[in-house]
Amino acid sequence: MTAATKVETLSEVEAAPVETTSTSWPREDRIRAGVLAALGRPAELLKVAVLPLWGDKFRVNVWTAVSGAGNGIPNSFFVTADEQGTILRSQPPIRKLY
């Protein structure tokens, strides 16, 4: 990352709703899309796992291929999302990295 690179953060207060073309998307798919929209798409992306915990709480793990070392999770978030899948809070905050 260079000094001129802008780092954007999705904070608890500024979380923007995810716009999708279909209202029939499952909640987890909308959360997945919201995380990728805020984070960016990492190179060697394998999957974004959205794991329901309880109520409106989810664990989101971003899986990537790691050269020579197998697979890894470079980004992991504990998120709160509403019924439509809009991310309301994230710990740690989701920053634009890719």
C-alpha atoms as a PDB file:
ATOM      1  CA  MET A   1       0.000   0.000   0.000  1.00  0.00           C
ATOM      2  CA  THR A   2       1.437   3.399  -0.917  1.00  0.00           C
ATOM      3  CA  ALA A   3       1.200   6.583   1.101  1.00  0.00           C
ATOM      4  CA  ALA A   4      -1.247   7.971  -1.474  1.00  0.00           C
ATOM      5  CA  THR A   5      -3.638   5.031  -1.075  1.00  0.00           C
ATOM      6  CA  LYS A   6      -6.960   6.039   0.425  1.00  0.00           C
ATOM      7  CA  VAL A   7      -8.254   3.759   3.172  1.00  0.00           C
ATOM      8  CA  GLU A   8     -12.032   3.699   3.530  1.00  0.00           C
ATOM      9  CA  THR A   9     -13.698   2.280   6.622  1.00  0.00           C
ATOM     10  CA  LEU A  10     -17.224   0.951   7.017  1.00  0.00           C
ATOM     11  CA  SER A  11     -17.910   2.045  10.565  1.00  0.00           C
ATOM     12  CA  GLU A  12     -20.890   1.216  12.723  1.00  0.00           C
ATOM     13  CA  VAL A  13     -22.456   4.596  12.015  1.00  0.00           C
ATOM     14  CA  GLU A  14     -21.725   4.932   8.281  1.00  0.00           C
ATOM     15  CA  ALA A  15     -22.792   1.460   7.128  1.00  0.00           C
ATOM     16  CA  ALA A  16     -24.586   1.886   3.816  1.00  0.00           C
ATOM     17  CA  PRO A  17     -27.277  -0.494   2.592  1.00  0.00           C
ATOM     18  CA  VAL A  18     -26.301  -2.972  -0.101  1.00  0.00           C
ATOM     19  CA  GLU A  19     -28.092  -2.388  -3.387  1.00  0.00           C
ATOM     20  CA  THR A  20     -29.016  -5.545  -5.233  1.00  0.00           C
ATOM     21  CA  THR A  21     -30.986  -6.215  -8.371  1.00  0.00           C
ATOM     22  CA  SER A  22     -33.186  -8.844  -6.747  1.00  0.00           C
ATOM     23  CA  THR A  23     -35.195  -8.795  -3.548  1.00  0.00           C
ATOM     24  CA  SER A  24     -35.194 -12.589  -3.499  1.00  0.00           C
ATOM     25  CA  TRP A  25     -31.538 -12.894  -2.464  1.00  0.00           C
ATOM     26  CA  PRO A  26     -31.086 -14.816   0.782  1.00  0.00           C
ATOM     27  CA  ARG A  27     -29.917 -12.738   3.757  1.00  0.00           C
ATOM     28  CA  GLU A  28     -26.465 -14.392   3.786  1.00  0.00           C
ATOM     29  CA  ASP A  29     -25.937 -13.554   0.102  1.00  0.00           C
ATOM     30  CA  ARG A  30     -26.699  -9.889   0.767  1.00  0.00           C
ATOM     31  CA  ILE A  31     -24.264  -9.868   3.705  1.00  0.00           C
ATOM     32  CA  ARG A  32     -21.604 -11.505   1.488  1.00  0.00           C
ATOM     33  CA  ALA A  33     -22.167  -8.880  -1.230  1.00  0.00           C
ATOM     34  CA  GLY A  34     -22.011  -6.067   1.336  1.00  0.00           C
ATOM     35  CA  VAL A  35     -18.697  -7.274   2.759  1.00  0.00           C
ATOM     36  CA  LEU A  36     -17.141  -7.586  -0.716  1.00  0.00           C
ATOM     37  CA  ALA A  37     -18.477  -4.155  -1.732  1.00  0.00           C
ATOM     38  CA  ALA A  38     -16.867  -2.552   1.330  1.00  0.00           C
ATOM     39  CA  LEU A  39     -13.659  -4.646   1.398  1.00  0.00           C
ATOM     40  CA  GLY A  40     -12.991  -5.050  -2.308  1.00  0.00           C
ATOM     41  CA  ARG A  41     -12.229  -8.342  -4.057  1.00  0.00           C
ATOM     42  CA  PRO A  42      -8.959  -9.944  -2.918  1.00  0.00           C
ATOM     43  CA  ALA A  43      -6.723 -11.708  -5.413  1.00  0.00           C
ATOM     44  CA  GLU A  44      -7.109 -15.481  -5.320  1.00  0.00           C
ATOM     45  CA  LEU A  45     -10.567 -15.228  -3.659  1.00  0.00           C
ATOM     46  CA  LEU A  46     -11.972 -18.697  -2.976  1.00  0.00           C
ATOM     47  CA  LYS A  47     -15.143 -17.938  -1.027  1.00  0.00           C
ATOM     48  CA  VAL A  48     -16.803 -15.666   1.501  1.00  0.00           C
ATOM     49  CA  ALA A  49     -18.361 -17.783   4.244  1.00  0.00           C
ATOM     50  CA  VAL A  50     -21.266 -16.160   6.118  1.00  0.00           C
ATOM     51  CA  LEU A  51     -21.942 -18.152   9.273  1.00  0.00           C
ATOM     52  CA  PRO A  52     -25.125 -17.359  11.257  1.00  0.00           C
ATOM     53  CA  LEU A  53     -24.456 -17.226  15.000  1.00  0.00           C
ATOM     54  CA  TRP A  54     -27.557 -16.008  16.858  1.00  0.00           C
ATOM     55  CA  GLY A  55     -30.259 -13.472  16.094  1.00  0.00           C
ATOM     56  CA  ASP A  56     -28.816 -10.819  13.811  1.00  0.00           C
ATOM     57  CA  LYS A  57     -25.131 -11.768  14.432  1.00  0.00           C
ATOM     58  CA  PHE A  58     -22.896 -13.412  11.798  1.00  0.00           C
ATOM     59  CA  ARG A  59     -19.245 -14.403  11.390  1.00  0.00           C
ATOM     60  CA  VAL A  60     -17.908 -13.606   7.911  1.00  0.00           C
ATOM     61  CA  ASN A  61     -14.651 -15.263   6.795  1.00  0.00           C
ATOM     62  CA  VAL A  62     -12.985 -14.303   3.503  1.00  0.00           C
ATOM     63  CA  TRP A  63     -11.044 -17.328   2.171  1.00  0.00           C
ATOM     64  CA  THR A  64      -8.179 -16.914  -0.318  1.00  0.00           C
ATOM     65  CA  ALA A  65      -5.566 -19.178  -1.860  1.00  0.00           C
ATOM     66  CA  VAL A  66      -2.142 -18.552  -0.359  1.00  0.00           C
ATOM     67  CA  SER A  67       0.838 -19.244  -2.631  1.00  0.00           C
ATOM     68  CA  GLY A  68       2.488 -22.484  -1.591  1.00  0.00           C
ATOM     69  CA  ALA A  69       0.723 -22.551   1.762  1.00  0.00           C
ATOM     70  CA  GLY A  70      -2.786 -23.754   0.910  1.00  0.00           C
ATOM     71  CA  ASN A  71      -5.820 -21.674   1.858  1.00  0.00           C
ATOM     72  CA  GLY A  72      -6.104 -18.863   4.374  1.00  0.00           C
ATOM     73  CA  ILE A  73      -8.490 -16.371   5.944  1.00  0.00           C
ATOM     74  CA  PRO A  74      -6.881 -12.927   5.577  1.00  0.00           C
ATOM     75  CA  ASN A  75     -10.093 -11.145   6.609  1.00  0.00           C
ATOM     76  CA  SER A  76     -12.683 -12.099   9.223  1.00  0.00           C
ATOM     77  CA  PHE A  77     -15.527  -9.996  10.615  1.00  0.00           C
ATOM     78  CA  PHE A  78     -18.219 -10.277  13.264  1.00  0.00           C
ATOM     79  CA  VAL A  79     -21.211  -8.447  11.778  1.00  0.00           C
ATOM     80  CA  THR A  80     -24.700  -7.442  12.804  1.00  0.00           C
ATOM     81  CA  ALA A  81     -27.202  -7.360   9.924  1.00  0.00           C
ATOM     82  CA  ASP A  82     -30.892  -6.567   9.643  1.00  0.00           C
ATOM     83  CA  GLU A  83     -33.525  -8.900   8.142  1.00  0.00           C
ATOM     84  CA  GLN A  84     -32.716  -7.704   4.614  1.00  0.00           C
ATOM     85  CA  GLY A  85     -28.980  -8.404   5.036  1.00  0.00           C
ATOM     86  CA  THR A  86     -27.878  -4.784   5.401  1.00  0.00           C
ATOM     87  CA  ILE A  87     -24.730  -4.655   7.527  1.00  0.00           C
ATOM     88  CA  LEU A  88     -25.386  -2.442  10.533  1.00  0.00           C
ATOM     89  CA  ARG A  89     -22.132  -2.995  12.465  1.00  0.00           C
ATOM     90  CA  SER A  90     -18.847  -4.773  11.942  1.00  0.00           C
ATOM     91  CA  GLN A  91     -16.049  -5.718  14.300  1.00  0.00           C
ATOM     92  CA  PRO A  92     -13.390  -5.001  13.197  1.00  0.00           C
ATOM     93  CA  PRO A  93     -14.651  -2.237  10.888  1.00  0.00           C
ATOM     94  CA  ILE A  94     -14.553  -3.253   7.220  1.00  0.00           C
ATOM     95  CA  ARG A  95     -11.896  -1.234   5.374  1.00  0.00           C
ATOM     96  CA  LYS A  96     -11.392  -0.977   1.611  1.00  0.00           C
ATOM     97  CA  LEU A  97      -8.250  -3.090   1.130  1.00  0.00           C
ATOM     98  CA  TYR A  98      -8.548  -4.423  -2.416  1.00  0.00           C
END
